Amino acid sequence: MRAVVQRVLSANLKVDGKLISEIDNGMVVFLGVGIGDRQEDIDKLALKISKLRIFEDENGKMNLSIKDVSGKILLISQFTLYADCSHGNRPSFFEAEKPQVANEMYQNMKSRLNQEGIMVEMGVFGADMKIEVLNDGPVTIMLDSKNI
C-alpha cells in the first residue's frame, strides 16, 4: 500500500462541480492499494501517518503530529500510485488492486485513521475528482507499507 502525504493549509474536492469534501489545516493523503495488500498494511500506514511529525512547533521545527495540531485528513483513493512506467511511455497499472477490493481497503483506512482519533474526509472512489490543495511548505512525504 502506498501513500503520498501532503501537509496543507486547506484542500477541497469536487465531483461534477459539486463540493464533496474540504478541510483546513491538515493532510491530503493520496492512497494506492496494491495487489496483495492486507489489513496489516492499513494498520502500519495509519499508525505512521498519525504519528508523522511534519507540523511546526512554536520554534518552527517539524515536531508535531496531525493529532497535536487537531488537523484533519482528506483521504483520496489513487490507483495511479501503482503506475509502472518502466516500458514505454504509457503507464500500466497491473500492480493496482481490483476496484472492489481497493474500495474496501480505502474505506478500512478511513476507519483505522478514525480509530487513531483523526477526523477524515473522503473523496469519491473511482470518480473523476477535481482537487484544490494549498500546500504548506511544501511538505510531501511518500510512504510504502512494505518499507515501514
N, C-alpha and C. Protein backbone atom coordinates (compact mmCIF):
# COMPACT_ATOMS: atom_id res chain seq x y z
N MET A 1 0.85 -1.17 0.00
CA MET A 1 0.00 0.00 0.00
C MET A 1 0.90 1.23 0.00
N ARG A 2 0.53 2.17 -0.82
CA ARG A 2 1.33 3.39 -0.95
C ARG A 2 0.50 4.62 -0.61
N ALA A 3 1.18 5.60 -0.05
CA ALA A 3 0.51 6.86 0.28
C ALA A 3 1.44 8.03 -0.04
N VAL A 4 0.87 9.07 -0.57
CA VAL A 4 1.55 10.35 -0.72
C VAL A 4 0.83 11.30 0.24
N VAL A 5 1.60 11.81 1.20
CA VAL A 5 1.06 12.65 2.26
C VAL A 5 1.54 14.07 2.03
N GLN A 6 0.60 15.02 1.98
CA GLN A 6 0.95 16.43 1.82
C GLN A 6 0.41 17.22 3.00
N ARG A 7 1.28 18.04 3.59
CA ARG A 7 0.83 18.96 4.64
C ARG A 7 0.15 20.12 3.93
N VAL A 8 -1.06 20.47 4.38
CA VAL A 8 -1.83 21.50 3.69
C VAL A 8 -2.42 22.51 4.66
N LEU A 9 -2.60 23.73 4.15
CA LEU A 9 -3.34 24.75 4.89
C LEU A 9 -4.83 24.58 4.64
N SER A 10 -5.17 24.07 3.43
CA SER A 10 -6.55 23.78 3.08
C SER A 10 -6.59 22.90 1.84
N ALA A 11 -7.71 22.24 1.65
CA ALA A 11 -7.92 21.42 0.46
C ALA A 11 -9.42 21.20 0.29
N ASN A 12 -9.82 21.07 -0.98
CA ASN A 12 -11.21 20.71 -1.23
C ASN A 12 -11.28 19.79 -2.44
N LEU A 13 -12.35 19.04 -2.51
CA LEU A 13 -12.53 18.05 -3.55
C LEU A 13 -13.94 18.18 -4.13
N LYS A 14 -14.01 18.23 -5.46
CA LYS A 14 -15.28 18.35 -6.15
C LYS A 14 -15.44 17.22 -7.15
N VAL A 15 -16.69 16.82 -7.36
CA VAL A 15 -17.05 15.87 -8.40
C VAL A 15 -18.20 16.50 -9.17
N ASP A 16 -18.03 16.59 -10.48
CA ASP A 16 -19.04 17.23 -11.35
C ASP A 16 -19.40 18.64 -10.87
N GLY A 17 -18.40 19.37 -10.39
CA GLY A 17 -18.61 20.75 -9.94
C GLY A 17 -19.22 20.87 -8.56
N LYS A 18 -19.58 19.76 -7.93
CA LYS A 18 -20.21 19.78 -6.61
C LYS A 18 -19.16 19.52 -5.54
N LEU A 19 -19.12 20.40 -4.52
CA LEU A 19 -18.20 20.23 -3.40
C LEU A 19 -18.58 18.99 -2.61
N ILE A 20 -17.61 18.08 -2.47
CA ILE A 20 -17.83 16.83 -1.75
C ILE A 20 -17.17 16.88 -0.37
N SER A 21 -15.93 17.34 -0.32
CA SER A 21 -15.17 17.37 0.94
C SER A 21 -14.26 18.57 0.96
N GLU A 22 -13.99 19.06 2.18
CA GLU A 22 -12.98 20.11 2.34
C GLU A 22 -12.43 20.06 3.75
N ILE A 23 -11.17 20.47 3.86
CA ILE A 23 -10.52 20.55 5.16
C ILE A 23 -9.72 21.85 5.24
N ASP A 24 -9.44 22.25 6.45
CA ASP A 24 -8.48 23.32 6.68
C ASP A 24 -7.16 22.65 7.04
N ASN A 25 -6.44 23.18 7.97
CA ASN A 25 -5.13 22.67 8.39
C ASN A 25 -5.14 21.15 8.55
N GLY A 26 -4.21 20.48 7.87
CA GLY A 26 -4.12 19.03 7.99
C GLY A 26 -3.29 18.40 6.90
N MET A 27 -3.78 17.26 6.42
CA MET A 27 -3.06 16.49 5.40
C MET A 27 -4.02 16.08 4.29
N VAL A 28 -3.49 16.06 3.07
CA VAL A 28 -4.13 15.33 1.99
C VAL A 28 -3.33 14.05 1.86
N VAL A 29 -4.04 12.92 1.87
CA VAL A 29 -3.39 11.62 1.74
C VAL A 29 -3.96 10.93 0.50
N PHE A 30 -3.10 10.77 -0.51
CA PHE A 30 -3.45 10.01 -1.70
C PHE A 30 -3.07 8.56 -1.40
N LEU A 31 -4.02 7.63 -1.52
CA LEU A 31 -3.80 6.24 -1.13
C LEU A 31 -3.95 5.30 -2.32
N GLY A 32 -2.91 4.51 -2.54
CA GLY A 32 -2.96 3.48 -3.58
C GLY A 32 -2.92 2.10 -2.95
N VAL A 33 -3.80 1.23 -3.42
CA VAL A 33 -3.87 -0.14 -2.90
C VAL A 33 -3.30 -1.08 -3.96
N GLY A 34 -2.32 -1.88 -3.56
CA GLY A 34 -1.70 -2.83 -4.47
C GLY A 34 -2.23 -4.23 -4.28
N ILE A 35 -2.05 -5.05 -5.28
CA ILE A 35 -2.46 -6.45 -5.21
C ILE A 35 -1.76 -7.10 -4.01
N GLY A 36 -2.55 -7.77 -3.20
CA GLY A 36 -1.99 -8.47 -2.04
C GLY A 36 -1.92 -7.65 -0.77
N ASP A 37 -2.27 -6.38 -0.81
CA ASP A 37 -2.28 -5.59 0.41
C ASP A 37 -3.34 -6.16 1.36
N ARG A 38 -3.03 -6.05 2.67
CA ARG A 38 -3.90 -6.63 3.69
C ARG A 38 -4.15 -5.61 4.80
N GLN A 39 -4.92 -6.04 5.78
CA GLN A 39 -5.20 -5.17 6.93
C GLN A 39 -3.92 -4.73 7.61
N GLU A 40 -2.93 -5.57 7.63
CA GLU A 40 -1.63 -5.22 8.23
C GLU A 40 -1.03 -3.98 7.57
N ASP A 41 -1.20 -3.86 6.25
CA ASP A 41 -0.69 -2.69 5.53
C ASP A 41 -1.45 -1.43 5.94
N ILE A 42 -2.75 -1.56 6.10
CA ILE A 42 -3.57 -0.43 6.57
C ILE A 42 -3.10 0.00 7.96
N ASP A 43 -2.94 -0.97 8.85
CA ASP A 43 -2.54 -0.67 10.23
C ASP A 43 -1.20 0.06 10.27
N LYS A 44 -0.23 -0.45 9.52
CA LYS A 44 1.10 0.17 9.52
C LYS A 44 1.05 1.60 8.98
N LEU A 45 0.35 1.79 7.86
CA LEU A 45 0.29 3.14 7.27
C LEU A 45 -0.49 4.11 8.15
N ALA A 46 -1.61 3.66 8.69
CA ALA A 46 -2.42 4.54 9.54
C ALA A 46 -1.63 5.00 10.76
N LEU A 47 -0.91 4.08 11.37
CA LEU A 47 -0.11 4.43 12.53
C LEU A 47 1.00 5.41 12.16
N LYS A 48 1.68 5.15 11.05
CA LYS A 48 2.76 6.04 10.61
C LYS A 48 2.20 7.44 10.29
N ILE A 49 1.11 7.50 9.54
CA ILE A 49 0.51 8.79 9.18
C ILE A 49 0.09 9.56 10.44
N SER A 50 -0.51 8.86 11.39
CA SER A 50 -0.99 9.53 12.61
C SER A 50 0.14 10.07 13.47
N LYS A 51 1.33 9.49 13.33
CA LYS A 51 2.46 9.90 14.17
C LYS A 51 3.51 10.73 13.43
N LEU A 52 3.33 10.92 12.12
CA LEU A 52 4.31 11.73 11.37
C LEU A 52 4.41 13.12 11.97
N ARG A 53 5.60 13.52 12.32
CA ARG A 53 5.82 14.84 12.91
C ARG A 53 6.24 15.80 11.80
N ILE A 54 5.23 16.29 11.09
CA ILE A 54 5.51 17.17 9.94
C ILE A 54 4.90 18.56 10.12
N PHE A 55 4.33 18.82 11.29
CA PHE A 55 3.77 20.15 11.57
C PHE A 55 4.71 20.89 12.50
N GLU A 56 4.79 22.20 12.31
CA GLU A 56 5.76 23.01 13.04
C GLU A 56 5.32 23.30 14.47
N ASP A 57 6.29 23.26 15.38
CA ASP A 57 6.04 23.63 16.77
C ASP A 57 6.27 25.14 16.92
N GLU A 58 6.27 25.63 18.16
CA GLU A 58 6.42 27.07 18.42
C GLU A 58 7.79 27.60 18.01
N ASN A 59 8.75 26.70 17.77
CA ASN A 59 10.09 27.11 17.33
C ASN A 59 10.30 26.95 15.83
N GLY A 60 9.23 26.63 15.11
CA GLY A 60 9.33 26.48 13.66
C GLY A 60 9.94 25.15 13.23
N LYS A 61 10.06 24.19 14.14
CA LYS A 61 10.63 22.87 13.83
C LYS A 61 9.48 21.90 13.53
N MET A 62 9.68 21.03 12.54
CA MET A 62 8.69 19.99 12.27
C MET A 62 8.78 18.97 13.40
N ASN A 63 7.86 19.13 14.36
CA ASN A 63 7.95 18.34 15.58
C ASN A 63 6.58 17.88 16.08
N LEU A 64 5.52 18.25 15.38
CA LEU A 64 4.16 17.93 15.83
C LEU A 64 3.45 17.01 14.84
N SER A 65 2.60 16.15 15.37
CA SER A 65 1.79 15.26 14.54
C SER A 65 0.46 15.92 14.20
N ILE A 66 -0.28 15.27 13.34
CA ILE A 66 -1.60 15.79 12.96
C ILE A 66 -2.53 15.84 14.17
N LYS A 67 -2.37 14.90 15.08
CA LYS A 67 -3.19 14.91 16.30
C LYS A 67 -2.81 16.07 17.20
N ASP A 68 -1.52 16.39 17.24
CA ASP A 68 -1.05 17.51 18.07
C ASP A 68 -1.64 18.84 17.63
N VAL A 69 -1.91 18.97 16.33
CA VAL A 69 -2.43 20.24 15.80
C VAL A 69 -3.93 20.18 15.52
N SER A 70 -4.58 19.09 15.94
CA SER A 70 -6.01 18.87 15.70
C SER A 70 -6.36 19.02 14.22
N GLY A 71 -5.49 18.49 13.36
CA GLY A 71 -5.71 18.57 11.92
C GLY A 71 -6.62 17.47 11.43
N LYS A 72 -7.10 17.65 10.21
CA LYS A 72 -7.95 16.66 9.55
C LYS A 72 -7.21 16.10 8.34
N ILE A 73 -7.71 14.98 7.86
CA ILE A 73 -7.16 14.36 6.66
C ILE A 73 -8.22 14.33 5.57
N LEU A 74 -7.81 14.69 4.36
CA LEU A 74 -8.62 14.45 3.17
C LEU A 74 -8.00 13.23 2.51
N LEU A 75 -8.70 12.09 2.56
CA LEU A 75 -8.21 10.81 2.06
C LEU A 75 -8.77 10.57 0.68
N ILE A 76 -7.86 10.36 -0.29
CA ILE A 76 -8.25 10.23 -1.70
C ILE A 76 -7.66 8.95 -2.27
N SER A 77 -8.52 8.12 -2.82
CA SER A 77 -8.06 6.90 -3.46
C SER A 77 -7.37 7.25 -4.77
N GLN A 78 -6.19 6.65 -5.01
CA GLN A 78 -5.45 6.96 -6.24
C GLN A 78 -4.66 5.74 -6.71
N PHE A 79 -5.29 4.96 -7.60
CA PHE A 79 -4.65 3.75 -8.10
C PHE A 79 -3.41 4.05 -8.92
N THR A 80 -3.28 5.28 -9.41
CA THR A 80 -2.12 5.63 -10.24
C THR A 80 -0.82 5.64 -9.45
N LEU A 81 -0.88 5.51 -8.13
CA LEU A 81 0.35 5.38 -7.35
C LEU A 81 1.03 4.04 -7.65
N TYR A 82 0.32 3.15 -8.33
CA TYR A 82 0.90 1.87 -8.74
C TYR A 82 1.23 1.85 -10.23
N ALA A 83 1.43 3.01 -10.81
CA ALA A 83 1.80 3.08 -12.23
C ALA A 83 3.19 2.48 -12.45
N ASP A 84 3.30 1.67 -13.49
CA ASP A 84 4.59 1.13 -13.92
C ASP A 84 4.94 1.80 -15.23
N CYS A 85 5.99 2.59 -15.20
CA CYS A 85 6.41 3.34 -16.38
C CYS A 85 7.74 2.82 -16.93
N SER A 86 8.07 1.58 -16.60
CA SER A 86 9.38 1.05 -16.99
C SER A 86 9.47 0.65 -18.46
N HIS A 87 8.33 0.47 -19.10
CA HIS A 87 8.32 0.07 -20.51
C HIS A 87 7.49 1.06 -21.31
N GLY A 88 8.11 1.82 -22.16
CA GLY A 88 7.39 2.78 -22.98
C GLY A 88 6.96 4.00 -22.19
N ASN A 89 6.03 4.73 -22.76
CA ASN A 89 5.59 5.99 -22.16
C ASN A 89 4.18 5.95 -21.60
N ARG A 90 3.49 4.86 -21.84
CA ARG A 90 2.13 4.74 -21.31
C ARG A 90 2.18 3.86 -20.07
N PRO A 91 1.80 4.39 -18.91
CA PRO A 91 1.88 3.60 -17.69
C PRO A 91 0.92 2.41 -17.72
N SER A 92 1.34 1.34 -17.06
CA SER A 92 0.43 0.21 -16.84
C SER A 92 0.14 0.16 -15.34
N PHE A 93 -0.97 -0.44 -15.02
CA PHE A 93 -1.43 -0.46 -13.63
C PHE A 93 -1.70 -1.88 -13.15
N PHE A 94 -0.91 -2.83 -13.63
CA PHE A 94 -1.12 -4.23 -13.29
C PHE A 94 -0.94 -4.52 -11.81
N GLU A 95 -0.17 -3.70 -11.12
CA GLU A 95 0.07 -3.94 -9.69
C GLU A 95 -1.00 -3.34 -8.80
N ALA A 96 -1.93 -2.55 -9.37
CA ALA A 96 -3.01 -1.95 -8.59
C ALA A 96 -4.10 -3.01 -8.34
N GLU A 97 -4.66 -2.96 -7.15
CA GLU A 97 -5.71 -3.91 -6.77
C GLU A 97 -6.99 -3.65 -7.57
N LYS A 98 -7.80 -4.68 -7.73
CA LYS A 98 -9.09 -4.55 -8.41
C LYS A 98 -9.97 -3.57 -7.64
N PRO A 99 -10.82 -2.82 -8.36
CA PRO A 99 -11.60 -1.75 -7.73
C PRO A 99 -12.42 -2.17 -6.51
N GLN A 100 -13.11 -3.29 -6.56
CA GLN A 100 -13.96 -3.68 -5.43
C GLN A 100 -13.14 -3.88 -4.16
N VAL A 101 -12.02 -4.57 -4.27
CA VAL A 101 -11.16 -4.81 -3.12
C VAL A 101 -10.49 -3.50 -2.67
N ALA A 102 -10.02 -2.72 -3.64
CA ALA A 102 -9.36 -1.45 -3.32
C ALA A 102 -10.31 -0.51 -2.57
N ASN A 103 -11.56 -0.45 -2.99
CA ASN A 103 -12.53 0.42 -2.32
C ASN A 103 -12.75 -0.03 -0.88
N GLU A 104 -12.84 -1.32 -0.66
CA GLU A 104 -12.99 -1.84 0.70
C GLU A 104 -11.79 -1.45 1.56
N MET A 105 -10.59 -1.57 1.01
CA MET A 105 -9.38 -1.20 1.75
C MET A 105 -9.35 0.32 2.03
N TYR A 106 -9.78 1.10 1.07
CA TYR A 106 -9.88 2.56 1.20
C TYR A 106 -10.81 2.91 2.36
N GLN A 107 -11.98 2.27 2.41
CA GLN A 107 -12.93 2.52 3.49
C GLN A 107 -12.34 2.09 4.84
N ASN A 108 -11.62 0.96 4.83
CA ASN A 108 -10.98 0.48 6.06
C ASN A 108 -9.90 1.44 6.55
N MET A 109 -9.20 2.08 5.62
CA MET A 109 -8.18 3.06 6.03
C MET A 109 -8.84 4.23 6.75
N LYS A 110 -9.96 4.69 6.25
CA LYS A 110 -10.68 5.78 6.93
C LYS A 110 -11.02 5.36 8.36
N SER A 111 -11.58 4.18 8.50
CA SER A 111 -11.96 3.69 9.83
C SER A 111 -10.74 3.60 10.75
N ARG A 112 -9.64 3.11 10.22
CA ARG A 112 -8.42 2.94 11.03
C ARG A 112 -7.86 4.29 11.47
N LEU A 113 -7.88 5.28 10.56
CA LEU A 113 -7.43 6.62 10.93
C LEU A 113 -8.36 7.24 11.98
N ASN A 114 -9.67 6.98 11.84
CA ASN A 114 -10.62 7.43 12.86
C ASN A 114 -10.30 6.82 14.22
N GLN A 115 -9.89 5.56 14.23
CA GLN A 115 -9.52 4.89 15.49
C GLN A 115 -8.32 5.58 16.14
N GLU A 116 -7.49 6.20 15.32
CA GLU A 116 -6.34 6.94 15.85
C GLU A 116 -6.74 8.33 16.34
N GLY A 117 -8.03 8.66 16.24
CA GLY A 117 -8.53 9.93 16.73
C GLY A 117 -8.43 11.06 15.71
N ILE A 118 -8.35 10.71 14.43
CA ILE A 118 -8.21 11.71 13.38
C ILE A 118 -9.51 11.81 12.59
N MET A 119 -9.98 13.03 12.39
CA MET A 119 -11.15 13.27 11.54
C MET A 119 -10.73 13.11 10.09
N VAL A 120 -11.51 12.37 9.32
CA VAL A 120 -11.17 12.08 7.93
C VAL A 120 -12.33 12.43 7.01
N GLU A 121 -12.04 13.24 6.01
CA GLU A 121 -12.96 13.49 4.91
C GLU A 121 -12.49 12.63 3.76
N MET A 122 -13.39 12.31 2.83
CA MET A 122 -13.02 11.39 1.76
C MET A 122 -13.39 11.93 0.39
N GLY A 123 -12.71 11.35 -0.61
CA GLY A 123 -13.08 11.56 -1.99
C GLY A 123 -14.16 10.57 -2.36
N VAL A 124 -14.42 10.45 -3.66
CA VAL A 124 -15.41 9.51 -4.17
C VAL A 124 -14.65 8.46 -4.97
N PHE A 125 -14.65 7.24 -4.49
CA PHE A 125 -13.89 6.18 -5.12
C PHE A 125 -14.28 6.03 -6.59
N GLY A 126 -13.29 6.04 -7.46
CA GLY A 126 -13.50 5.82 -8.88
C GLY A 126 -14.03 7.01 -9.66
N ALA A 127 -14.30 8.10 -8.99
CA ALA A 127 -14.86 9.28 -9.67
C ALA A 127 -13.74 10.14 -10.26
N ASP A 128 -14.12 10.98 -11.21
CA ASP A 128 -13.22 11.99 -11.76
C ASP A 128 -13.28 13.18 -10.81
N MET A 129 -12.29 13.27 -9.94
CA MET A 129 -12.30 14.28 -8.89
C MET A 129 -11.41 15.46 -9.26
N LYS A 130 -11.82 16.64 -8.85
CA LYS A 130 -11.03 17.85 -9.00
C LYS A 130 -10.64 18.29 -7.59
N ILE A 131 -9.34 18.38 -7.36
CA ILE A 131 -8.84 18.63 -6.02
C ILE A 131 -8.01 19.91 -6.02
N GLU A 132 -8.36 20.82 -5.13
CA GLU A 132 -7.58 22.04 -4.93
C GLU A 132 -6.85 21.90 -3.59
N VAL A 133 -5.54 22.10 -3.64
CA VAL A 133 -4.71 21.92 -2.45
C VAL A 133 -3.84 23.16 -2.27
N LEU A 134 -3.84 23.70 -1.07
CA LEU A 134 -2.91 24.76 -0.72
C LEU A 134 -1.84 24.12 0.16
N ASN A 135 -0.74 23.70 -0.50
CA ASN A 135 0.36 23.03 0.20
C ASN A 135 0.97 23.99 1.21
N ASP A 136 1.45 23.41 2.30
CA ASP A 136 2.11 24.18 3.34
C ASP A 136 3.56 23.72 3.40
N GLY A 137 4.44 24.54 2.92
CA GLY A 137 5.88 24.23 2.94
C GLY A 137 6.54 24.38 1.58
N PRO A 138 6.33 23.53 0.65
CA PRO A 138 5.52 22.32 0.67
C PRO A 138 6.22 21.19 1.42
N VAL A 139 5.38 20.37 2.05
CA VAL A 139 5.87 19.15 2.68
C VAL A 139 5.12 17.99 2.04
N THR A 140 5.84 17.12 1.37
CA THR A 140 5.26 15.95 0.72
C THR A 140 6.10 14.73 1.08
N ILE A 141 5.43 13.71 1.62
CA ILE A 141 6.10 12.50 2.08
C ILE A 141 5.50 11.31 1.32
N MET A 142 6.38 10.44 0.80
CA MET A 142 5.91 9.22 0.16
C MET A 142 6.14 8.05 1.12
N LEU A 143 5.09 7.25 1.31
CA LEU A 143 5.15 6.09 2.21
C LEU A 143 4.74 4.83 1.47
N ASP A 144 5.38 3.74 1.81
CA ASP A 144 5.02 2.43 1.27
C ASP A 144 4.97 1.47 2.46
N SER A 145 3.86 0.80 2.64
CA SER A 145 3.69 -0.08 3.81
C SER A 145 4.72 -1.20 3.84
N LYS A 146 5.30 -1.51 2.71
CA LYS A 146 6.32 -2.57 2.65
C LYS A 146 7.66 -2.10 3.22
N ASN A 147 7.80 -0.78 3.40
CA ASN A 147 9.07 -0.21 3.86
C ASN A 147 9.00 0.42 5.26
N ILE A 148 7.91 0.17 5.99
CA ILE A 148 7.82 0.72 7.34
C ILE A 148 7.65 -0.41 8.35
